[in-house]
Amino acid sequence: MPDILQLKDFIITRLHVDWQTPTHPAEDEGSFSGDLTIDYEVLRNPEAQLSLALEFRVKLTPRDNDAAGYIIESEIVGLFDFPETMSDDQVQYLIRVNGGTILYGILRGQIALFTGSFPGGKYTLPAIYMQDVVRQVEAKRKKPKIKPDASLAFPGSYQTQPASKKPPGCSDFTVLRQMLSFYDSCRSDCLLRNAVV
């Protein structure tokens, strides 16, 4: 099977979790419901057109301000490479759908692990249909990036919001590469210190 995209690296740039204690304890204290918001931004490396980054954000808030629940804000950034034989339309589709699915799965595991020690216990993000999420995000932006396909439609209740604009300056991809380089040097330095012990 040919490669369609390769995850080269990823970093979690934000993972904030709060437990909201209910103001009025309910009979079903162990369950809660929340609104899931998913958003993303695609960045292209100006020096390598087939290297793209996906900034993927997930936010969860309780539906009722007085109810028990998690407040979660997270962002993960993945660096993906694509084969030279792939068209730009395919790349744009796959970075959003397949890339989003990969990064959501990573976040799902990290959030479950992280919330395991909270009063509400382990929280696992719900399974989602990424093609539906991508359609909703792109529709809100009024610039569809993927062609609608009725055979792929799946009713969902996910909330989406458009990405916030980035401040002007050097390219986002350059900043991301610098962050990953710093992360790698910190990781290498830590491994060297542990090896000396």
Protein backbone atom coordinates (compact mmCIF):
# COMPACT_ATOMS: atom_id res chain seq x y z
CA MET A 1 0.00 0.00 0.00
CA PRO A 2 1.53 3.37 -0.98
CA ASP A 3 2.14 6.09 1.58
CA ILE A 4 -0.52 8.75 1.58
CA LEU A 5 0.88 10.88 4.38
CA GLN A 6 3.58 10.45 6.98
CA LEU A 7 3.41 11.93 10.47
CA LYS A 8 6.97 13.16 11.01
CA ASP A 9 6.51 14.62 14.48
CA PHE A 10 3.93 16.15 16.80
CA ILE A 11 3.87 18.36 19.86
CA ILE A 12 1.11 19.17 22.29
CA THR A 13 1.20 22.94 22.63
CA ARG A 14 -1.70 23.24 25.06
CA LEU A 15 -3.40 20.87 27.46
CA HIS A 16 -5.46 22.56 30.14
CA VAL A 17 -7.98 20.57 32.16
CA ASP A 18 -10.22 21.83 34.97
CA TRP A 19 -12.75 19.81 36.92
CA GLN A 20 -15.94 21.73 37.62
CA THR A 21 -17.53 20.59 40.87
CA PRO A 22 -21.32 20.69 40.78
CA THR A 23 -22.97 23.42 42.86
CA HIS A 24 -25.98 21.14 43.44
CA PRO A 25 -25.05 17.44 43.70
CA ALA A 26 -27.25 15.35 41.45
CA GLU A 27 -28.31 11.73 41.55
CA ASP A 28 -26.20 10.91 38.51
CA GLU A 29 -23.02 12.48 39.89
CA GLY A 30 -20.78 10.24 37.79
CA SER A 31 -22.07 11.41 34.42
CA PHE A 32 -21.92 14.73 32.68
CA SER A 33 -22.42 16.20 29.24
CA GLY A 34 -20.50 18.87 27.43
CA ASP A 35 -20.11 20.76 24.19
CA LEU A 36 -17.20 19.67 22.03
CA THR A 37 -15.60 22.30 19.78
CA ILE A 38 -13.04 21.30 17.17
CA ASP A 39 -10.99 23.65 15.02
CA TYR A 40 -7.77 23.48 13.02
CA GLU A 41 -5.37 25.45 10.89
CA VAL A 42 -3.27 24.08 8.02
CA LEU A 43 0.21 25.51 7.47
CA ARG A 44 2.46 24.84 4.48
CA ASN A 45 6.24 24.90 4.65
CA PRO A 46 7.32 27.55 2.12
CA GLU A 47 10.60 25.69 1.58
CA ALA A 48 9.02 22.26 1.04
CA GLN A 49 5.56 22.36 -0.54
CA LEU A 50 4.78 18.75 0.43
CA SER A 51 5.50 19.35 4.13
CA LEU A 52 2.47 20.63 5.98
CA ALA A 53 1.60 21.23 9.60
CA LEU A 54 -1.83 20.81 11.15
CA GLU A 55 -2.66 22.79 14.29
CA PHE A 56 -5.59 20.88 15.76
CA ARG A 57 -7.64 22.27 18.67
CA VAL A 58 -10.22 20.55 20.85
CA LYS A 59 -12.28 22.29 23.51
CA LEU A 60 -14.84 20.75 25.86
CA THR A 61 -17.12 22.75 28.16
CA PRO A 62 -19.99 21.58 30.38
CA ARG A 63 -23.44 22.36 28.99
CA ASP A 64 -24.68 23.54 32.38
CA ASN A 65 -22.53 26.00 34.35
CA ASP A 66 -23.73 24.48 37.64
CA ALA A 67 -23.19 20.84 36.67
CA ALA A 68 -20.18 18.63 37.17
CA GLY A 69 -17.86 18.28 34.24
CA TYR A 70 -14.55 18.83 32.60
CA ILE A 71 -13.37 22.04 31.01
CA ILE A 72 -10.69 21.05 28.51
CA GLU A 73 -8.67 23.20 26.14
CA SER A 74 -6.06 21.45 24.03
CA GLU A 75 -3.95 21.95 20.94
CA ILE A 76 -1.68 19.53 19.15
CA VAL A 77 0.48 20.27 16.13
CA GLY A 78 1.51 17.57 13.70
CA LEU A 79 4.07 17.77 10.91
CA PHE A 80 3.13 15.70 7.86
CA ASP A 81 4.98 14.85 4.65
CA PHE A 82 3.23 13.81 1.44
CA PRO A 83 4.52 11.91 -1.61
CA GLU A 84 5.45 13.90 -4.72
CA THR A 85 2.90 12.03 -6.80
CA MET A 86 -0.03 13.43 -4.85
CA SER A 87 -2.12 16.32 -6.21
CA ASP A 88 -2.68 19.44 -4.12
CA ASP A 89 -6.41 18.65 -3.81
CA GLN A 90 -5.56 15.24 -2.35
CA VAL A 91 -3.00 16.79 0.02
CA GLN A 92 -5.52 19.40 1.23
CA TYR A 93 -8.15 16.73 1.83
CA LEU A 94 -5.83 14.25 3.56
CA ILE A 95 -4.13 16.78 5.86
CA ARG A 96 -7.55 17.72 7.22
CA VAL A 97 -9.30 14.34 7.35
CA ASN A 98 -6.49 11.81 7.91
CA GLY A 99 -4.20 14.26 9.71
CA GLY A 100 -7.06 15.40 11.96
CA THR A 101 -7.99 11.79 12.72
CA ILE A 102 -4.40 10.95 13.70
CA LEU A 103 -3.98 14.01 15.93
CA TYR A 104 -7.43 13.61 17.52
CA GLY A 105 -6.52 10.03 18.41
CA ILE A 106 -3.30 11.17 20.09
CA LEU A 107 -5.15 13.88 22.05
CA ARG A 108 -7.86 11.40 23.00
CA GLY A 109 -5.30 9.13 24.65
CA GLN A 110 -3.44 11.95 26.37
CA ILE A 111 -6.62 13.46 27.80
CA ALA A 112 -7.81 10.06 29.06
CA LEU A 113 -4.45 9.52 30.74
CA PHE A 114 -4.34 13.03 32.19
CA THR A 115 -7.89 13.02 33.60
CA GLY A 116 -7.50 9.61 35.25
CA SER A 117 -6.55 11.22 38.58
CA PHE A 118 -9.31 13.84 38.55
CA PRO A 119 -12.44 13.60 40.76
CA GLY A 120 -14.57 12.79 37.71
CA GLY A 121 -12.30 9.96 36.66
CA LYS A 122 -10.88 9.17 33.26
CA TYR A 123 -12.55 11.08 30.44
CA THR A 124 -12.37 9.75 26.90
CA LEU A 125 -13.21 12.14 24.09
CA PRO A 126 -16.09 10.81 21.98
CA ALA A 127 -15.55 9.06 18.68
CA ILE A 128 -16.12 11.48 15.81
CA TYR A 129 -16.53 11.36 12.06
CA MET A 130 -13.69 13.61 10.89
CA GLN A 131 -15.12 14.22 7.40
CA ASP A 132 -18.21 15.73 9.00
CA VAL A 133 -16.10 17.88 11.32
CA VAL A 134 -13.98 19.13 8.39
CA ARG A 135 -17.11 20.06 6.42
CA GLN A 136 -18.45 22.03 9.37
CA VAL A 137 -15.19 23.90 9.99
CA GLU A 138 -14.75 24.73 6.31
CA ALA A 139 -18.40 25.78 5.95
CA LYS A 140 -17.98 28.25 8.81
CA ARG A 141 -14.97 29.71 7.04
CA LYS A 142 -16.97 30.10 3.81
CA LYS A 143 -14.03 28.70 1.84
CA PRO A 144 -14.64 24.98 1.26
CA LYS A 145 -11.38 23.08 0.92
CA ILE A 146 -12.88 19.66 0.25
CA LYS A 147 -15.48 18.71 -2.28
CA PRO A 148 -18.82 17.69 -0.76
CA ASP A 149 -19.69 14.05 -1.21
CA ALA A 150 -23.24 13.09 -0.20
CA SER A 151 -22.23 9.46 0.22
CA LEU A 152 -19.92 10.49 3.06
CA ALA A 153 -22.52 12.54 4.95
CA PHE A 154 -22.99 11.59 8.57
CA PRO A 155 -25.23 13.54 10.93
CA GLY A 156 -23.33 14.99 13.86
CA SER A 157 -23.75 17.44 16.68
CA TYR A 158 -20.25 18.84 16.90
CA GLN A 159 -19.79 22.55 17.30
CA THR A 160 -17.11 24.21 15.28
CA GLN A 161 -15.65 27.67 15.24
CA PRO A 162 -13.38 29.45 12.78
CA ALA A 163 -9.70 29.75 13.63
CA SER A 164 -8.46 32.98 15.10
CA LYS A 165 -6.16 35.07 12.92
CA LYS A 166 -2.45 34.82 13.63
CA PRO A 167 -0.42 37.97 14.36
CA PRO A 168 1.82 39.19 11.53
CA GLY A 169 5.49 38.24 11.63
CA CYS A 170 7.55 35.34 10.43
CA SER A 171 5.70 32.41 8.93
CA ASP A 172 3.83 30.08 11.26
CA PHE A 173 5.69 27.12 9.82
CA THR A 174 9.05 28.70 10.69
CA VAL A 175 7.91 29.30 14.27
CA LEU A 176 6.65 25.71 14.46
CA ARG A 177 9.97 24.35 13.17
CA GLN A 178 11.80 26.47 15.78
CA MET A 179 9.53 25.09 18.53
CA LEU A 180 10.18 21.53 17.42
CA SER A 181 13.92 22.19 17.19
CA PHE A 182 13.90 23.61 20.73
CA TYR A 183 11.83 20.65 21.92
CA ASP A 184 14.27 18.19 20.31
CA SER A 185 17.29 19.93 21.85
CA CYS A 186 15.64 19.90 25.29
CA ARG A 187 14.76 16.23 24.89
CA SER A 188 18.33 15.40 23.76
CA ASP A 189 19.81 17.41 26.63
CA CYS A 190 17.57 15.58 29.11
CA LEU A 191 18.55 12.20 27.67
CA LEU A 192 22.24 13.10 27.90
CA ARG A 193 21.86 14.18 31.54
CA ASN A 194 20.04 10.96 32.38
CA ALA A 195 22.71 8.90 30.60
CA VAL A 196 25.50 10.53 32.66
CA VAL A 197 23.87 9.56 35.96
